[in-house]
């Protein structure tokens, strides 16, 4: 099972998960960072955290559009002698983008966070977009932990 999620307000981030029978691979990439991680299901904890949070990059994006809105009339007039309605149209568009980006931080999306057996964060993804992936991973974690505990019991009892 393979999914890709995009987060445009987080520096154009792309998060890809590829889950097979034994492990899950996570590749994350944005304009600033890129990394890959691989987790065996037996290394992951069955306990997960489900949270609802707004778009993380919405506030910085709205601040950027606010600055552009404030500066654009001066820049436009410096570059060319344009009619006033062009400047007003640009201001309306940038102002609208500012407001939309600001309000996006209040639109909550449900995420699920997985951790390793030591309680350290491992990976997360948008649960609303891919509930079947969460079910698949949780089932694999439970199966692997059952196998691990049965294997320990057999080893300890000498069989």
C-alpha atoms as a PDB file:
ATOM      1  CA  UNK A   1       0.000   0.000   0.000  1.00  0.00           C
ATOM      2  CA  UNK A   2       1.453   3.345  -1.011  1.00  0.00           C
ATOM      3  CA  UNK A   3       0.089   6.834  -0.340  1.00  0.00           C
ATOM      4  CA  UNK A   4       1.345  10.332  -0.967  1.00  0.00           C
ATOM      5  CA  UNK A   5       0.149  13.373   0.937  1.00  0.00           C
ATOM      6  CA  UNK A   6       0.906  16.967   0.023  1.00  0.00           C
ATOM      7  CA  UNK A   7       1.141  19.927   2.389  1.00  0.00           C
ATOM      8  CA  UNK A   8       1.569  23.054   0.240  1.00  0.00           C
ATOM      9  CA  UNK A   9       1.728  25.455   3.191  1.00  0.00           C
ATOM     10  CA  UNK A  10       4.643  23.546   4.759  1.00  0.00           C
ATOM     11  CA  UNK A  11       7.230  24.631   2.202  1.00  0.00           C
ATOM     12  CA  UNK A  12       5.510  22.543  -0.496  1.00  0.00           C
ATOM     13  CA  UNK A  13       5.979  19.317   1.471  1.00  0.00           C
ATOM     14  CA  UNK A  14       5.319  15.840   0.101  1.00  0.00           C
ATOM     15  CA  UNK A  15       5.053  12.871   2.432  1.00  0.00           C
ATOM     16  CA  UNK A  16       5.045   9.351   0.961  1.00  0.00           C
ATOM     17  CA  UNK A  17       4.317   6.144   2.871  1.00  0.00           C
ATOM     18  CA  UNK A  18       4.881   2.677   1.513  1.00  0.00           C
ATOM     19  CA  UNK A  19       3.655  -0.159   3.708  1.00  0.00           C
ATOM     20  CA  UNK A  20       4.300  -3.818   2.990  1.00  0.00           C
ATOM     21  CA  UNK A  21       4.036  -7.018   5.054  1.00  0.00           C
ATOM     22  CA  UNK A  22       7.119  -6.397   7.220  1.00  0.00           C
ATOM     23  CA  UNK A  23       7.841  -2.665   7.378  1.00  0.00           C
ATOM     24  CA  UNK A  24       6.791   0.833   6.486  1.00  0.00           C
ATOM     25  CA  UNK A  25       8.924   3.317   4.609  1.00  0.00           C
ATOM     26  CA  UNK A  26       8.413   7.052   4.972  1.00  0.00           C
ATOM     27  CA  UNK A  27       9.880   9.654   2.652  1.00  0.00           C
ATOM     28  CA  UNK A  28       9.392  13.343   3.435  1.00  0.00           C
ATOM     29  CA  UNK A  29      10.510  16.199   1.227  1.00  0.00           C
ATOM     30  CA  UNK A  30       9.979  19.952   1.195  1.00  0.00           C
ATOM     31  CA  UNK A  31      11.953  22.953  -0.029  1.00  0.00           C
ATOM     32  CA  UNK A  32      14.197  22.868   3.060  1.00  0.00           C
ATOM     33  CA  UNK A  33      14.375  19.243   4.235  1.00  0.00           C
ATOM     34  CA  UNK A  34      14.392  15.762   2.774  1.00  0.00           C
ATOM     35  CA  UNK A  35      14.655  12.486   4.657  1.00  0.00           C
ATOM     36  CA  UNK A  36      13.658   8.843   4.529  1.00  0.00           C
ATOM     37  CA  UNK A  37      12.985   6.447   7.381  1.00  0.00           C
ATOM     38  CA  UNK A  38      12.103   2.785   7.611  1.00  0.00           C
ATOM     39  CA  UNK A  39      10.307   1.071  10.496  1.00  0.00           C
ATOM     40  CA  UNK A  40       9.610  -2.595  11.155  1.00  0.00           C
ATOM     41  CA  UNK A  41       6.175  -3.135  12.628  1.00  0.00           C
ATOM     42  CA  UNK A  42       7.713  -5.006  15.560  1.00  0.00           C
ATOM     43  CA  UNK A  43       9.582  -1.798  16.513  1.00  0.00           C
ATOM     44  CA  UNK A  44       6.398   0.281  16.719  1.00  0.00           C
ATOM     45  CA  UNK A  45       4.104   0.716  19.710  1.00  0.00           C
ATOM     46  CA  UNK A  46       0.406  -0.164  19.487  1.00  0.00           C
ATOM     47  CA  UNK A  47      -0.497   3.070  21.275  1.00  0.00           C
ATOM     48  CA  UNK A  48      -1.082   5.957  18.910  1.00  0.00           C
ATOM     49  CA  UNK A  49      -1.962   9.598  19.386  1.00  0.00           C
ATOM     50  CA  UNK A  50      -4.814  11.090  17.392  1.00  0.00           C
ATOM     51  CA  UNK A  51      -4.938  14.861  17.288  1.00  0.00           C
ATOM     52  CA  UNK A  52      -6.693  17.533  15.313  1.00  0.00           C
ATOM     53  CA  UNK A  53      -4.571  20.443  14.204  1.00  0.00           C
ATOM     54  CA  UNK A  54      -4.720  23.278  11.717  1.00  0.00           C
ATOM     55  CA  UNK A  55      -2.379  23.794   8.800  1.00  0.00           C
ATOM     56  CA  UNK A  56       1.054  24.363  10.340  1.00  0.00           C
ATOM     57  CA  UNK A  57       2.366  26.662   7.635  1.00  0.00           C
ATOM     58  CA  UNK A  58      -0.749  28.825   7.406  1.00  0.00           C
ATOM     59  CA  UNK A  59       0.433  31.587   9.733  1.00  0.00           C
ATOM     60  CA  UNK A  60       3.842  32.143   8.072  1.00  0.00           C
ATOM     61  CA  UNK A  61       2.161  32.058   4.645  1.00  0.00           C
ATOM     62  CA  UNK A  62      -0.421  34.630   5.722  1.00  0.00           C
ATOM     63  CA  UNK A  63       2.360  36.830   7.103  1.00  0.00           C
ATOM     64  CA  UNK A  64       4.202  36.591   3.773  1.00  0.00           C
ATOM     65  CA  UNK A  65       1.080  37.580   1.821  1.00  0.00           C
ATOM     66  CA  UNK A  66       0.462  40.424   4.283  1.00  0.00           C
ATOM     67  CA  UNK A  67       3.961  41.802   3.631  1.00  0.00           C
ATOM     68  CA  UNK A  68       3.441  41.430  -0.129  1.00  0.00           C
ATOM     69  CA  UNK A  69       0.122  43.252   0.179  1.00  0.00           C
ATOM     70  CA  UNK A  70       1.775  46.124   2.033  1.00  0.00           C
ATOM     71  CA  UNK A  71       4.742  46.426  -0.355  1.00  0.00           C
ATOM     72  CA  UNK A  72       3.113  45.691  -3.715  1.00  0.00           C
ATOM     73  CA  UNK A  73       1.583  49.152  -4.414  1.00  0.00           C
ATOM     74  CA  UNK A  74       4.995  50.771  -4.113  1.00  0.00           C
ATOM     75  CA  UNK A  75       6.743  48.100  -6.178  1.00  0.00           C
ATOM     76  CA  UNK A  76       4.102  48.196  -8.914  1.00  0.00           C
ATOM     77  CA  UNK A  77       4.338  51.993  -9.180  1.00  0.00           C
ATOM     78  CA  UNK A  78       8.142  51.822  -9.313  1.00  0.00           C
ATOM     79  CA  UNK A  79       8.139  49.266 -12.114  1.00  0.00           C
ATOM     80  CA  UNK A  80       5.537  50.809 -14.373  1.00  0.00           C
ATOM     81  CA  UNK A  81       2.962  53.518 -14.620  1.00  0.00           C
ATOM     82  CA  UNK A  82      -0.167  51.397 -14.291  1.00  0.00           C
ATOM     83  CA  UNK A  83      -3.775  52.458 -13.784  1.00  0.00           C
ATOM     84  CA  UNK A  84      -5.082  52.586 -10.243  1.00  0.00           C
ATOM     85  CA  UNK A  85      -7.539  49.718 -10.823  1.00  0.00           C
ATOM     86  CA  UNK A  86      -4.618  47.336 -11.550  1.00  0.00           C
ATOM     87  CA  UNK A  87      -3.009  48.207  -8.218  1.00  0.00           C
ATOM     88  CA  UNK A  88      -6.367  47.803  -6.452  1.00  0.00           C
ATOM     89  CA  UNK A  89      -6.945  44.416  -8.135  1.00  0.00           C
ATOM     90  CA  UNK A  90      -3.514  43.180  -7.022  1.00  0.00           C
ATOM     91  CA  UNK A  91      -4.195  44.440  -3.485  1.00  0.00           C
ATOM     92  CA  UNK A  92      -7.561  42.659  -3.380  1.00  0.00           C
ATOM     93  CA  UNK A  93      -6.045  39.383  -4.585  1.00  0.00           C
ATOM     94  CA  UNK A  94      -3.157  39.514  -2.128  1.00  0.00           C
ATOM     95  CA  UNK A  95      -5.464  40.575   0.698  1.00  0.00           C
ATOM     96  CA  UNK A  96      -7.768  37.661  -0.066  1.00  0.00           C
ATOM     97  CA  UNK A  97      -4.832  35.234  -0.070  1.00  0.00           C
ATOM     98  CA  UNK A  98      -3.688  36.687   3.252  1.00  0.00           C
ATOM     99  CA  UNK A  99      -7.101  36.143   4.813  1.00  0.00           C
ATOM    100  CA  UNK A 100      -7.514  32.627   3.369  1.00  0.00           C
ATOM    101  CA  UNK A 101      -4.077  31.526   4.595  1.00  0.00           C
ATOM    102  CA  UNK A 102      -4.730  33.010   8.029  1.00  0.00           C
ATOM    103  CA  UNK A 103      -8.075  31.213   8.330  1.00  0.00           C
ATOM    104  CA  UNK A 104      -6.634  27.867   7.201  1.00  0.00           C
ATOM    105  CA  UNK A 105      -4.892  27.495  10.540  1.00  0.00           C
ATOM    106  CA  UNK A 106      -8.336  27.177  12.142  1.00  0.00           C
ATOM    107  CA  UNK A 107      -9.475  24.362   9.844  1.00  0.00           C
ATOM    108  CA  UNK A 108      -8.635  21.245  11.831  1.00  0.00           C
ATOM    109  CA  UNK A 109      -7.501  17.997  10.240  1.00  0.00           C
ATOM    110  CA  UNK A 110      -7.104  14.725  12.118  1.00  0.00           C
ATOM    111  CA  UNK A 111      -3.605  13.267  12.275  1.00  0.00           C
ATOM    112  CA  UNK A 112      -2.379  10.016  13.736  1.00  0.00           C
ATOM    113  CA  UNK A 113       1.057   9.841  15.346  1.00  0.00           C
ATOM    114  CA  UNK A 114       2.944   6.565  15.737  1.00  0.00           C
ATOM    115  CA  UNK A 115       5.863   6.037  18.110  1.00  0.00           C
ATOM    116  CA  UNK A 116       8.448   3.324  18.625  1.00  0.00           C
ATOM    117  CA  UNK A 117       8.458   0.979  21.614  1.00  0.00           C
ATOM    118  CA  UNK A 118      10.597   3.448  23.584  1.00  0.00           C
ATOM    119  CA  UNK A 119       7.974   6.161  23.151  1.00  0.00           C
ATOM    120  CA  UNK A 120       9.954   8.228  20.660  1.00  0.00           C
ATOM    121  CA  UNK A 121       7.960   9.758  17.768  1.00  0.00           C
ATOM    122  CA  UNK A 122       8.297   7.717  14.573  1.00  0.00           C
ATOM    123  CA  UNK A 123       5.930   9.140  11.930  1.00  0.00           C
ATOM    124  CA  UNK A 124       2.534  10.725  11.387  1.00  0.00           C
ATOM    125  CA  UNK A 125       0.041  11.243   8.595  1.00  0.00           C
ATOM    126  CA  UNK A 126      -3.347  12.753   7.845  1.00  0.00           C
ATOM    127  CA  UNK A 127      -5.877  10.236   9.109  1.00  0.00           C
ATOM    128  CA  UNK A 128      -8.827  11.771   7.275  1.00  0.00           C
ATOM    129  CA  UNK A 129      -7.213  11.152   3.884  1.00  0.00           C
ATOM    130  CA  UNK A 130      -6.079   7.589   4.596  1.00  0.00           C
ATOM    131  CA  UNK A 131      -7.959   5.765   7.370  1.00  0.00           C
ATOM    132  CA  UNK A 132      -7.319   2.410   5.648  1.00  0.00           C
ATOM    133  CA  UNK A 133      -3.551   2.909   5.956  1.00  0.00           C
ATOM    134  CA  UNK A 134      -3.894   3.494   9.695  1.00  0.00           C
ATOM    135  CA  UNK A 135      -5.970   0.312  10.059  1.00  0.00           C
ATOM    136  CA  UNK A 136      -3.440  -1.648   7.999  1.00  0.00           C
ATOM    137  CA  UNK A 137      -0.461  -0.416  10.046  1.00  0.00           C
ATOM    138  CA  UNK A 138      -2.200  -0.990  13.388  1.00  0.00           C
ATOM    139  CA  UNK A 139      -3.156  -4.535  12.364  1.00  0.00           C
ATOM    140  CA  UNK A 140       0.455  -5.252  11.347  1.00  0.00           C
ATOM    141  CA  UNK A 141       1.776  -3.822  14.627  1.00  0.00           C
ATOM    142  CA  UNK A 142      -0.635  -5.973  16.648  1.00  0.00           C
ATOM    143  CA  UNK A 143       0.261  -9.100  14.654  1.00  0.00           C
ATOM    144  CA  UNK A 144       3.987  -8.478  15.062  1.00  0.00           C
ATOM    145  CA  UNK A 145       3.680  -7.770  18.795  1.00  0.00           C
ATOM    146  CA  UNK A 146       1.640 -10.958  19.262  1.00  0.00           C
ATOM    147  CA  UNK A 147       4.308 -12.907  17.374  1.00  0.00           C
ATOM    148  CA  UNK A 148       7.084 -11.278  19.417  1.00  0.00           C
ATOM    149  CA  UNK A 149       5.389 -12.015  22.768  1.00  0.00           C
ATOM    150  CA  UNK A 150       4.624 -15.647  21.750  1.00  0.00           C
ATOM    151  CA  UNK A 151       8.224 -16.084  20.604  1.00  0.00           C
ATOM    152  CA  UNK A 152       9.539 -14.713  23.941  1.00  0.00           C
ATOM    153  CA  UNK A 153       7.262 -17.038  25.928  1.00  0.00           C
ATOM    154  CA  UNK A 154       8.473 -20.066  23.962  1.00  0.00           C
ATOM    155  CA  UNK A 155      12.106 -19.015  24.380  1.00  0.00           C
ATOM    156  CA  UNK A 156      11.706 -18.448  28.146  1.00  0.00           C
ATOM    157  CA  UNK A 157       9.901 -21.766  28.699  1.00  0.00           C
ATOM    158  CA  UNK A 158      12.630 -23.634  26.815  1.00  0.00           C
ATOM    159  CA  UNK A 159      10.546 -24.894  23.875  1.00  0.00           C
END
